[in-house]
Amino acid sequence: MTIELSMLVPHVPSMCHQDQVPVFQQDMAAGMKEIGKRLQRLKPDVIVLVSCHWPSTFFHYVDCTPVHKGILTAFEAPDLIKDVSYHFPGDEELANELVSAGQEAGLQVQGVNDPYYIWDYGSVVPLRYLVPDEDIPVINLSVTLAASLEETYKWGQVIAKVLRESEKKVVFVSSGALSHNLVRGRHNVPTITEHAMDKQFIEFVMNKNYQEAFSMLPEYARFARVESGGRHLAMLFSMIENECVPAYHADGQSSGSWNALITFENTKTAETNETAVNEYVK
């Protein structure tokens, strides 16, 4: 089939429990819940998710585990995320196809099939909103620190080719922030300079100037300390075709970082071609 929908989603720890979300992050929580309802209508066969909180050193990892089940206590924030259970199906067959395709392309890709592997909160937090019934298969991908943005984009292109040639209906999720120069205090926003770069990047994206946004990534990542060096964004760009329609749903701060919720819909399956481009980035 095709990649029906791609998205950039936040995963800030304070959003893990809906009844504890700070006021300045509630728009993002509400936006993800609405997208979750949309996924229930779309009924995708699989979600492929890259998380900034699965940082691998040398290899691009693909989680091929047939069943994802565990209890997460986040080592970074055990006060906010403690004893959080999850239980999702995987897609071992498609995950193995991704591994094989990556290796055939000459990339350092390995599969992980381990029922004891515990998900990170970059996976768990957004999926609690997007798939509350835990009934859609998930394939997780790492961000690889030894890989450049260009290599990560190439790996994403390999993944996208496999997904588009699959008979399955796919949703791609990029879980991570934009500017990410963290400071104490969840209410803090990025600096004026960092946020100016956030705004320029988002303006490129919302105007469908995807090549300009990608070209901006290296310096943007360096100066604004974009999460994972922007690797999750490089992979997202490899999924987005020129005709994809961007929609801006919500944004908010978290300890000096800036987080945005943006979807990119394939025009062949779009429910509407109207895009919110006038009011974004506070």
C-alpha atoms as a PDB file:
ATOM      1  CA  MET A   1       0.000   0.000   0.000  1.00  0.00           C
ATOM      2  CA  THR A   2       1.678   3.178   1.164  1.00  0.00           C
ATOM      3  CA  ILE A   3       2.736   5.322   4.076  1.00  0.00           C
ATOM      4  CA  GLU A   4      -0.668   6.766   4.902  1.00  0.00           C
ATOM      5  CA  LEU A   5       0.472   9.201   7.548  1.00  0.00           C
ATOM      6  CA  SER A   6       3.764  10.422   9.018  1.00  0.00           C
ATOM      7  CA  MET A   7       4.121  12.583  12.085  1.00  0.00           C
ATOM      8  CA  LEU A   8       6.427  14.374  14.481  1.00  0.00           C
ATOM      9  CA  VAL A   9       5.254  13.856  18.066  1.00  0.00           C
ATOM     10  CA  PRO A  10       6.415  14.978  21.517  1.00  0.00           C
ATOM     11  CA  HIS A  11       7.323  12.540  24.262  1.00  0.00           C
ATOM     12  CA  VAL A  12       8.002  14.810  27.234  1.00  0.00           C
ATOM     13  CA  PRO A  13       7.948  12.780  30.492  1.00  0.00           C
ATOM     14  CA  SER A  14       5.398  15.050  32.162  1.00  0.00           C
ATOM     15  CA  MET A  15       2.835  13.968  29.539  1.00  0.00           C
ATOM     16  CA  CYS A  16       3.006  10.289  30.471  1.00  0.00           C
ATOM     17  CA  HIS A  17      -0.058  10.460  32.724  1.00  0.00           C
ATOM     18  CA  GLN A  18      -2.914  12.491  31.268  1.00  0.00           C
ATOM     19  CA  ASP A  19      -4.126  13.674  34.664  1.00  0.00           C
ATOM     20  CA  GLN A  20      -0.702  15.158  35.450  1.00  0.00           C
ATOM     21  CA  VAL A  21       0.013  17.100  32.235  1.00  0.00           C
ATOM     22  CA  PRO A  22       1.009  20.750  32.936  1.00  0.00           C
ATOM     23  CA  VAL A  23      -1.246  23.447  31.493  1.00  0.00           C
ATOM     24  CA  PHE A  24       1.346  24.510  28.917  1.00  0.00           C
ATOM     25  CA  GLN A  25       1.512  20.955  27.507  1.00  0.00           C
ATOM     26  CA  GLN A  26      -2.198  20.162  27.466  1.00  0.00           C
ATOM     27  CA  ASP A  27      -2.674  21.254  23.846  1.00  0.00           C
ATOM     28  CA  MET A  28      -0.131  18.640  22.784  1.00  0.00           C
ATOM     29  CA  ALA A  29      -1.860  15.965  24.853  1.00  0.00           C
ATOM     30  CA  ALA A  30      -5.251  16.861  23.398  1.00  0.00           C
ATOM     31  CA  GLY A  31      -3.804  16.919  19.881  1.00  0.00           C
ATOM     32  CA  MET A  32      -2.300  13.454  20.217  1.00  0.00           C
ATOM     33  CA  LYS A  33      -5.574  12.103  21.582  1.00  0.00           C
ATOM     34  CA  GLU A  34      -7.365  13.447  18.490  1.00  0.00           C
ATOM     35  CA  ILE A  35      -4.797  11.862  16.195  1.00  0.00           C
ATOM     36  CA  GLY A  36      -5.326   8.634  18.138  1.00  0.00           C
ATOM     37  CA  LYS A  37      -9.021   8.772  17.249  1.00  0.00           C
ATOM     38  CA  ARG A  38      -8.056   9.315  13.639  1.00  0.00           C
ATOM     39  CA  LEU A  39      -5.799   6.262  13.728  1.00  0.00           C
ATOM     40  CA  GLN A  40      -8.739   4.229  15.009  1.00  0.00           C
ATOM     41  CA  ARG A  41     -10.643   5.241  11.873  1.00  0.00           C
ATOM     42  CA  LEU A  42      -7.639   4.737   9.593  1.00  0.00           C
ATOM     43  CA  LYS A  43      -6.921   1.258  11.009  1.00  0.00           C
ATOM     44  CA  PRO A  44      -3.234   1.011  10.024  1.00  0.00           C
ATOM     45  CA  ASP A  45      -1.640  -2.412   9.868  1.00  0.00           C
ATOM     46  CA  VAL A  46       1.546  -1.249  11.560  1.00  0.00           C
ATOM     47  CA  ILE A  47       3.215   1.765  13.161  1.00  0.00           C
ATOM     48  CA  VAL A  48       6.940   2.268  12.566  1.00  0.00           C
ATOM     49  CA  LEU A  49       8.365   4.525  15.279  1.00  0.00           C
ATOM     50  CA  VAL A  50      11.807   6.061  15.675  1.00  0.00           C
ATOM     51  CA  SER A  51      12.551   7.290  19.182  1.00  0.00           C
ATOM     52  CA  CYS A  52      15.224   9.743  20.264  1.00  0.00           C
ATOM     53  CA  HIS A  53      15.379   7.847  23.542  1.00  0.00           C
ATOM     54  CA  TRP A  54      16.659   4.693  21.907  1.00  0.00           C
ATOM     55  CA  PRO A  55      20.162   5.987  21.127  1.00  0.00           C
ATOM     56  CA  SER A  56      22.413   3.311  19.663  1.00  0.00           C
ATOM     57  CA  THR A  57      26.131   3.876  19.337  1.00  0.00           C
ATOM     58  CA  PHE A  58      27.141   2.189  16.090  1.00  0.00           C
ATOM     59  CA  PHE A  59      24.308   0.113  14.602  1.00  0.00           C
ATOM     60  CA  HIS A  60      20.873   1.029  13.292  1.00  0.00           C
ATOM     61  CA  TYR A  61      18.627  -1.279  15.324  1.00  0.00           C
ATOM     62  CA  VAL A  62      15.199  -2.574  14.358  1.00  0.00           C
ATOM     63  CA  ASP A  63      13.024  -4.130  17.062  1.00  0.00           C
ATOM     64  CA  CYS A  64      11.808  -7.366  15.487  1.00  0.00           C
ATOM     65  CA  THR A  65      10.221  -8.704  18.671  1.00  0.00           C
ATOM     66  CA  PRO A  66       6.783 -10.252  17.909  1.00  0.00           C
ATOM     67  CA  VAL A  67       5.257  -9.037  21.180  1.00  0.00           C
ATOM     68  CA  HIS A  68       6.283  -5.893  23.075  1.00  0.00           C
ATOM     69  CA  LYS A  69       5.419  -6.288  26.726  1.00  0.00           C
ATOM     70  CA  GLY A  70       7.013  -4.730  29.766  1.00  0.00           C
ATOM     71  CA  ILE A  71       6.918  -2.291  32.648  1.00  0.00           C
ATOM     72  CA  LEU A  72       8.816   0.971  32.231  1.00  0.00           C
ATOM     73  CA  THR A  73      10.449   3.052  34.908  1.00  0.00           C
ATOM     74  CA  ALA A  74      12.343   5.799  33.101  1.00  0.00           C
ATOM     75  CA  PHE A  75      15.873   6.056  34.471  1.00  0.00           C
ATOM     76  CA  GLU A  76      15.968   9.777  33.558  1.00  0.00           C
ATOM     77  CA  ALA A  77      12.728  10.610  35.336  1.00  0.00           C
ATOM     78  CA  PRO A  78      11.584   7.822  37.693  1.00  0.00           C
ATOM     79  CA  ASP A  79       9.477  10.329  39.605  1.00  0.00           C
ATOM     80  CA  LEU A  80       7.346  10.986  36.517  1.00  0.00           C
ATOM     81  CA  ILE A  81       7.397   7.592  34.794  1.00  0.00           C
ATOM     82  CA  LYS A  82       7.310   4.658  37.172  1.00  0.00           C
ATOM     83  CA  ASP A  83       5.854   1.154  36.775  1.00  0.00           C
ATOM     84  CA  VAL A  84       4.136   2.046  33.494  1.00  0.00           C
ATOM     85  CA  SER A  85       3.007  -1.143  31.765  1.00  0.00           C
ATOM     86  CA  TYR A  86       2.555  -1.615  28.026  1.00  0.00           C
ATOM     87  CA  HIS A  87       1.607  -4.557  25.800  1.00  0.00           C
ATOM     88  CA  PHE A  88       1.679  -4.121  22.020  1.00  0.00           C
ATOM     89  CA  PRO A  89       1.905  -6.593  19.158  1.00  0.00           C
ATOM     90  CA  GLY A  90       4.964  -6.378  16.934  1.00  0.00           C
ATOM     91  CA  ASP A  91       5.444  -7.204  13.252  1.00  0.00           C
ATOM     92  CA  GLU A  92       8.364  -9.600  13.103  1.00  0.00           C
ATOM     93  CA  GLU A  93       8.066 -10.302   9.378  1.00  0.00           C
ATOM     94  CA  LEU A  94       8.092  -6.667   8.238  1.00  0.00           C
ATOM     95  CA  ALA A  95      10.807  -5.784  10.763  1.00  0.00           C
ATOM     96  CA  ASN A  96      13.052  -8.518   9.361  1.00  0.00           C
ATOM     97  CA  GLU A  97      12.421  -7.172   5.858  1.00  0.00           C
ATOM     98  CA  LEU A  98      13.680  -3.777   7.012  1.00  0.00           C
ATOM     99  CA  VAL A  99      16.813  -5.341   8.478  1.00  0.00           C
ATOM    100  CA  SER A 100      17.544  -7.268   5.274  1.00  0.00           C
ATOM    101  CA  ALA A 101      16.962  -4.215   3.092  1.00  0.00           C
ATOM    102  CA  GLY A 102      19.269  -2.093   5.213  1.00  0.00           C
ATOM    103  CA  GLN A 103      22.039  -4.672   5.107  1.00  0.00           C
ATOM    104  CA  GLU A 104      21.639  -5.087   1.333  1.00  0.00           C
ATOM    105  CA  ALA A 105      22.027  -1.314   1.017  1.00  0.00           C
ATOM    106  CA  GLY A 106      25.401  -1.559   2.764  1.00  0.00           C
ATOM    107  CA  LEU A 107      24.246  -0.017   6.042  1.00  0.00           C
ATOM    108  CA  GLN A 108      25.115  -1.182   9.544  1.00  0.00           C
ATOM    109  CA  VAL A 109      21.676  -2.539  10.483  1.00  0.00           C
ATOM    110  CA  GLN A 110      20.840  -5.221  13.026  1.00  0.00           C
ATOM    111  CA  GLY A 111      17.608  -6.720  14.284  1.00  0.00           C
ATOM    112  CA  VAL A 112      16.690  -7.107  17.945  1.00  0.00           C
ATOM    113  CA  ASN A 113      14.358  -9.942  18.937  1.00  0.00           C
ATOM    114  CA  ASP A 114      14.274 -10.054  22.721  1.00  0.00           C
ATOM    115  CA  PRO A 115      11.107 -10.293  24.857  1.00  0.00           C
ATOM    116  CA  TYR A 116      13.044  -8.793  27.776  1.00  0.00           C
ATOM    117  CA  TYR A 117      13.985  -5.599  25.967  1.00  0.00           C
ATOM    118  CA  ILE A 118      12.194  -2.699  27.683  1.00  0.00           C
ATOM    119  CA  TRP A 119      10.917   0.205  25.619  1.00  0.00           C
ATOM    120  CA  ASP A 120      12.080   3.755  26.297  1.00  0.00           C
ATOM    121  CA  TYR A 121       9.692   6.544  27.195  1.00  0.00           C
ATOM    122  CA  GLY A 122      10.085   8.103  23.759  1.00  0.00           C
ATOM    123  CA  SER A 123       8.076   5.117  22.555  1.00  0.00           C
ATOM    124  CA  VAL A 124       5.751   4.581  25.493  1.00  0.00           C
ATOM    125  CA  VAL A 125       4.575   8.165  26.108  1.00  0.00           C
ATOM    126  CA  PRO A 126       3.227   9.047  22.626  1.00  0.00           C
ATOM    127  CA  LEU A 127       1.743   5.586  22.081  1.00  0.00           C
ATOM    128  CA  ARG A 128      -0.317   5.964  25.255  1.00  0.00           C
ATOM    129  CA  TYR A 129      -2.169   8.738  23.404  1.00  0.00           C
ATOM    130  CA  LEU A 130      -1.969   7.510  19.807  1.00  0.00           C
ATOM    131  CA  VAL A 131      -2.889   3.868  20.459  1.00  0.00           C
ATOM    132  CA  PRO A 132      -4.596   3.735  23.870  1.00  0.00           C
ATOM    133  CA  ASP A 133      -6.053   0.277  23.142  1.00  0.00           C
ATOM    134  CA  GLU A 134      -2.550  -1.083  22.354  1.00  0.00           C
ATOM    135  CA  ASP A 135      -4.007  -2.928  19.357  1.00  0.00           C
ATOM    136  CA  ILE A 136      -1.781  -1.759  16.471  1.00  0.00           C
ATOM    137  CA  PRO A 137       1.510  -3.584  15.795  1.00  0.00           C
ATOM    138  CA  VAL A 138       4.629  -1.487  16.366  1.00  0.00           C
ATOM    139  CA  ILE A 139       8.169  -1.655  14.985  1.00  0.00           C
ATOM    140  CA  ASN A 140      10.731   0.463  16.862  1.00  0.00           C
ATOM    141  CA  LEU A 141      13.849   2.027  15.373  1.00  0.00           C
ATOM    142  CA  SER A 142      16.885   3.466  17.133  1.00  0.00           C
ATOM    143  CA  VAL A 143      18.688   6.723  16.386  1.00  0.00           C
ATOM    144  CA  THR A 144      22.323   5.919  15.668  1.00  0.00           C
ATOM    145  CA  LEU A 145      24.862   8.348  17.067  1.00  0.00           C
ATOM    146  CA  ALA A 146      27.714   7.242  14.800  1.00  0.00           C
ATOM    147  CA  ALA A 147      25.544   7.855  11.733  1.00  0.00           C
ATOM    148  CA  SER A 148      25.494  11.270  10.072  1.00  0.00           C
ATOM    149  CA  LEU A 149      22.284  13.011   9.097  1.00  0.00           C
ATOM    150  CA  GLU A 150      22.945  11.951   5.513  1.00  0.00           C
ATOM    151  CA  GLU A 151      23.377   8.291   6.465  1.00  0.00           C
ATOM    152  CA  THR A 152      20.281   8.429   8.653  1.00  0.00           C
ATOM    153  CA  TYR A 153      18.319   9.925   5.757  1.00  0.00           C
ATOM    154  CA  LYS A 154      19.584   7.146   3.477  1.00  0.00           C
ATOM    155  CA  TRP A 155      18.508   4.520   6.013  1.00  0.00           C
ATOM    156  CA  GLY A 156      15.127   6.222   6.148  1.00  0.00           C
ATOM    157  CA  GLN A 157      14.851   6.045   2.363  1.00  0.00           C
ATOM    158  CA  VAL A 158      15.531   2.304   2.499  1.00  0.00           C
ATOM    159  CA  ILE A 159      12.833   1.925   5.136  1.00  0.00           C
ATOM    160  CA  ALA A 160      10.383   4.054   3.152  1.00  0.00           C
ATOM    161  CA  LYS A 161      10.923   1.960   0.015  1.00  0.00           C
ATOM    162  CA  VAL A 162      10.139  -1.256   1.905  1.00  0.00           C
ATOM    163  CA  LEU A 163       7.068   0.286   3.517  1.00  0.00           C
ATOM    164  CA  ARG A 164       5.709   1.662   0.247  1.00  0.00           C
ATOM    165  CA  GLU A 165       6.175  -1.690  -1.475  1.00  0.00           C
ATOM    166  CA  SER A 166       4.468  -3.521   1.374  1.00  0.00           C
ATOM    167  CA  GLU A 167       0.820  -4.525   1.109  1.00  0.00           C
ATOM    168  CA  LYS A 168       0.307  -3.036   4.576  1.00  0.00           C
ATOM    169  CA  LYS A 169      -1.148   0.303   5.563  1.00  0.00           C
ATOM    170  CA  VAL A 170       1.652   2.081   7.462  1.00  0.00           C
ATOM    171  CA  VAL A 171       1.926   5.034   9.842  1.00  0.00           C
ATOM    172  CA  PHE A 172       5.368   6.468  10.598  1.00  0.00           C
ATOM    173  CA  VAL A 173       6.032   8.219  13.918  1.00  0.00           C
ATOM    174  CA  SER A 174       9.087  10.358  14.670  1.00  0.00           C
ATOM    175  CA  SER A 175       9.241  10.844  18.438  1.00  0.00           C
ATOM    176  CA  GLY A 176      11.385  13.775  19.501  1.00  0.00           C
ATOM    177  CA  ALA A 177      11.767  17.490  20.093  1.00  0.00           C
ATOM    178  CA  LEU A 178      13.033  20.409  18.026  1.00  0.00           C
ATOM    179  CA  SER A 179      15.385  22.721  19.980  1.00  0.00           C
ATOM    180  CA  HIS A 180      16.561  20.779  22.993  1.00  0.00           C
ATOM    181  CA  ASN A 181      19.021  22.772  25.097  1.00  0.00           C
ATOM    182  CA  LEU A 182      17.623  21.560  28.404  1.00  0.00           C
ATOM    183  CA  VAL A 183      17.440  23.585  31.598  1.00  0.00           C
ATOM    184  CA  ARG A 184      15.768  22.966  34.949  1.00  0.00           C
ATOM    185  CA  GLY A 185      12.108  23.943  35.110  1.00  0.00           C
ATOM    186  CA  ARG A 186       9.492  22.404  32.812  1.00  0.00           C
ATOM    187  CA  HIS A 187       7.881  25.799  32.190  1.00  0.00           C
ATOM    188  CA  ASN A 188      11.024  27.242  30.565  1.00  0.00           C
ATOM    189  CA  VAL A 189      11.004  27.956  26.842  1.00  0.00           C
ATOM    190  CA  PRO A 190      13.965  27.989  24.426  1.00  0.00           C
ATOM    191  CA  THR A 191      16.077  31.105  24.075  1.00  0.00           C
ATOM    192  CA  ILE A 192      15.026  33.718  21.540  1.00  0.00           C
ATOM    193  CA  THR A 193      17.758  32.588  19.157  1.00  0.00           C
ATOM    194  CA  GLU A 194      16.924  28.898  19.481  1.00  0.00           C
ATOM    195  CA  HIS A 195      13.228  29.561  19.033  1.00  0.00           C
ATOM    196  CA  ALA A 196      13.850  31.726  15.986  1.00  0.00           C
ATOM    197  CA  MET A 197      15.440  28.675  14.382  1.00  0.00           C
ATOM    198  CA  ASP A 198      12.478  26.540  15.461  1.00  0.00           C
ATOM    199  CA  LYS A 199      10.140  28.997  13.757  1.00  0.00           C
ATOM    200  CA  GLN A 200      12.167  29.107  10.538  1.00  0.00           C
ATOM    201  CA  PHE A 201      12.351  25.318  10.391  1.00  0.00           C
ATOM    202  CA  ILE A 202       8.605  24.969  10.932  1.00  0.00           C
ATOM    203  CA  GLU A 203       7.871  27.680   8.358  1.00  0.00           C
ATOM    204  CA  PHE A 204       9.835  25.699   5.760  1.00  0.00           C
ATOM    205  CA  VAL A 205       7.948  22.537   6.711  1.00  0.00           C
ATOM    206  CA  MET A 206       4.492  24.103   6.676  1.00  0.00           C
ATOM    207  CA  ASN A 207       5.168  25.687   3.275  1.00  0.00           C
ATOM    208  CA  LYS A 208       6.244  22.252   2.003  1.00  0.00           C
ATOM    209  CA  ASN A 209       9.802  23.456   1.460  1.00  0.00           C
ATOM    210  CA  TYR A 210      11.031  20.112   2.725  1.00  0.00           C
ATOM    211  CA  GLN A 211      14.416  20.294   1.002  1.00  0.00           C
ATOM    212  CA  GLU A 212      15.151  23.680   2.585  1.00  0.00           C
ATOM    213  CA  ALA A 213      14.160  22.338   6.000  1.00  0.00           C
ATOM    214  CA  PHE A 214      16.446  19.342   5.569  1.00  0.00           C
ATOM    215  CA  SER A 215      19.297  21.564   4.353  1.00  0.00           C
ATOM    216  CA  MET A 216      18.873  23.658   7.488  1.00  0.00           C
ATOM    217  CA  LEU A 217      19.182  20.662   9.814  1.00  0.00           C
ATOM    218  CA  PRO A 218      22.988  20.504  10.358  1.00  0.00           C
ATOM    219  CA  GLU A 219      23.374  24.102  11.577  1.00  0.00           C
ATOM    220  CA  TYR A 220      19.984  24.076  13.284  1.00  0.00           C
ATOM    221  CA  ALA A 221      20.934  20.941  15.186  1.00  0.00           C
ATOM    222  CA  ARG A 222      24.292  22.372  16.187  1.00  0.00           C
ATOM    223  CA  PHE A 223      23.116  25.782  17.389  1.00  0.00           C
ATOM    224  CA  ALA A 224      19.743  24.845  18.912  1.00  0.00           C
ATOM    225  CA  ARG A 225      20.889  21.389  20.068  1.00  0.00           C
ATOM    226  CA  VAL A 226      18.020  19.662  18.312  1.00  0.00           C
ATOM    227  CA  GLU A 227      17.244  16.360  20.020  1.00  0.00           C
ATOM    228  CA  SER A 228      19.330  13.400  18.768  1.00  0.00           C
ATOM    229  CA  GLY A 229      21.186  15.832  16.533  1.00  0.00           C
ATOM    230  CA  GLY A 230      18.119  15.963  14.301  1.00  0.00           C
ATOM    231  CA  ARG A 231      18.399  12.316  13.267  1.00  0.00           C
ATOM    232  CA  HIS A 232      14.720  11.620  13.980  1.00  0.00           C
ATOM    233  CA  LEU A 233      13.883  14.543  11.679  1.00  0.00           C
ATOM    234  CA  ALA A 234      16.188  13.273   8.926  1.00  0.00           C
ATOM    235  CA  MET A 235      14.376   9.950   9.053  1.00  0.00           C
ATOM    236  CA  LEU A 236      10.998  11.705   9.000  1.00  0.00           C
ATOM    237  CA  PHE A 237      11.957  13.651   5.875  1.00  0.00           C
ATOM    238  CA  SER A 238      12.752  10.401   4.095  1.00  0.00           C
ATOM    239  CA  MET A 239       9.102   9.378   4.573  1.00  0.00           C
ATOM    240  CA  ILE A 240       7.547  12.627   3.346  1.00  0.00           C
ATOM    241  CA  GLU A 241       6.754  12.924  -0.343  1.00  0.00           C
ATOM    242  CA  ASN A 242       6.402  16.332  -1.972  1.00  0.00           C
ATOM    243  CA  GLU A 243       2.651  15.996  -2.263  1.00  0.00           C
ATOM    244  CA  CYS A 244       2.191  15.183   1.435  1.00  0.00           C
ATOM    245  CA  VAL A 245      -0.037  17.681   3.225  1.00  0.00           C
ATOM    246  CA  PRO A 246       1.370  19.061   6.512  1.00  0.00           C
ATOM    247  CA  ALA A 247      -0.949  19.972   9.385  1.00  0.00           C
ATOM    248  CA  TYR A 248       0.183  21.748  12.555  1.00  0.00           C
ATOM    249  CA  HIS A 249      -1.729  20.581  15.611  1.00  0.00           C
ATOM    250  CA  ALA A 250      -0.021  21.855  18.758  1.00  0.00           C
ATOM    251  CA  ASP A 251       3.254  22.831  20.384  1.00  0.00           C
ATOM    252  CA  GLY A 252       4.763  23.579  23.759  1.00  0.00           C
ATOM    253  CA  GLN A 253       7.845  23.826  25.916  1.00  0.00           C
ATOM    254  CA  SER A 254       9.479  21.367  28.260  1.00  0.00           C
ATOM    255  CA  SER A 255      12.530  22.415  30.287  1.00  0.00           C
ATOM    256  CA  GLY A 256      13.862  24.718  27.613  1.00  0.00           C
ATOM    257  CA  SER A 257      13.036  22.445  24.671  1.00  0.00           C
ATOM    258  CA  TRP A 258      10.420  23.080  22.017  1.00  0.00           C
ATOM    259  CA  ASN A 259       8.049  20.347  20.959  1.00  0.00           C
ATOM    260  CA  ALA A 260       5.689  20.282  18.008  1.00  0.00           C
ATOM    261  CA  LEU A 261       2.919  17.959  16.873  1.00  0.00           C
ATOM    262  CA  ILE A 262       2.795  17.890  13.078  1.00  0.00           C
ATOM    263  CA  THR A 263       1.240  15.343  10.715  1.00  0.00           C
ATOM    264  CA  PHE A 264       1.986  14.719   7.044  1.00  0.00           C
ATOM    265  CA  GLU A 265      -0.810  13.028   5.159  1.00  0.00           C
ATOM    266  CA  ASN A 266      -0.638  11.263   1.830  1.00  0.00           C
ATOM    267  CA  THR A 267      -2.924  13.253  -0.482  1.00  0.00           C
ATOM    268  CA  LYS A 268      -4.417  10.079  -1.938  1.00  0.00           C
ATOM    269  CA  THR A 269      -6.004   9.287   1.410  1.00  0.00           C
ATOM    270  CA  ALA A 270      -6.337  12.793   2.877  1.00  0.00           C
ATOM    271  CA  GLU A 271      -9.632  13.523   4.596  1.00  0.00           C
ATOM    272  CA  THR A 272      -9.118  17.186   3.738  1.00  0.00           C
ATOM    273  CA  ASN A 273      -6.584  19.230   1.797  1.00  0.00           C
ATOM    274  CA  GLU A 274      -7.001  22.245   4.079  1.00  0.00           C
ATOM    275  CA  THR A 275      -3.838  22.875   6.052  1.00  0.00           C
ATOM    276  CA  ALA A 276      -3.445  25.086   9.102  1.00  0.00           C
ATOM    277  CA  VAL A 277      -0.515  27.231   8.007  1.00  0.00           C
ATOM    278  CA  ASN A 278      -1.369  30.636   9.384  1.00  0.00           C
ATOM    279  CA  GLU A 279      -1.226  30.165  13.128  1.00  0.00           C
ATOM    280  CA  TYR A 280       1.646  28.111  14.460  1.00  0.00           C
ATOM    281  CA  VAL A 281       4.617  28.431  16.756  1.00  0.00           C
ATOM    282  CA  LYS A 282       3.768  30.646  19.680  1.00  0.00           C
END
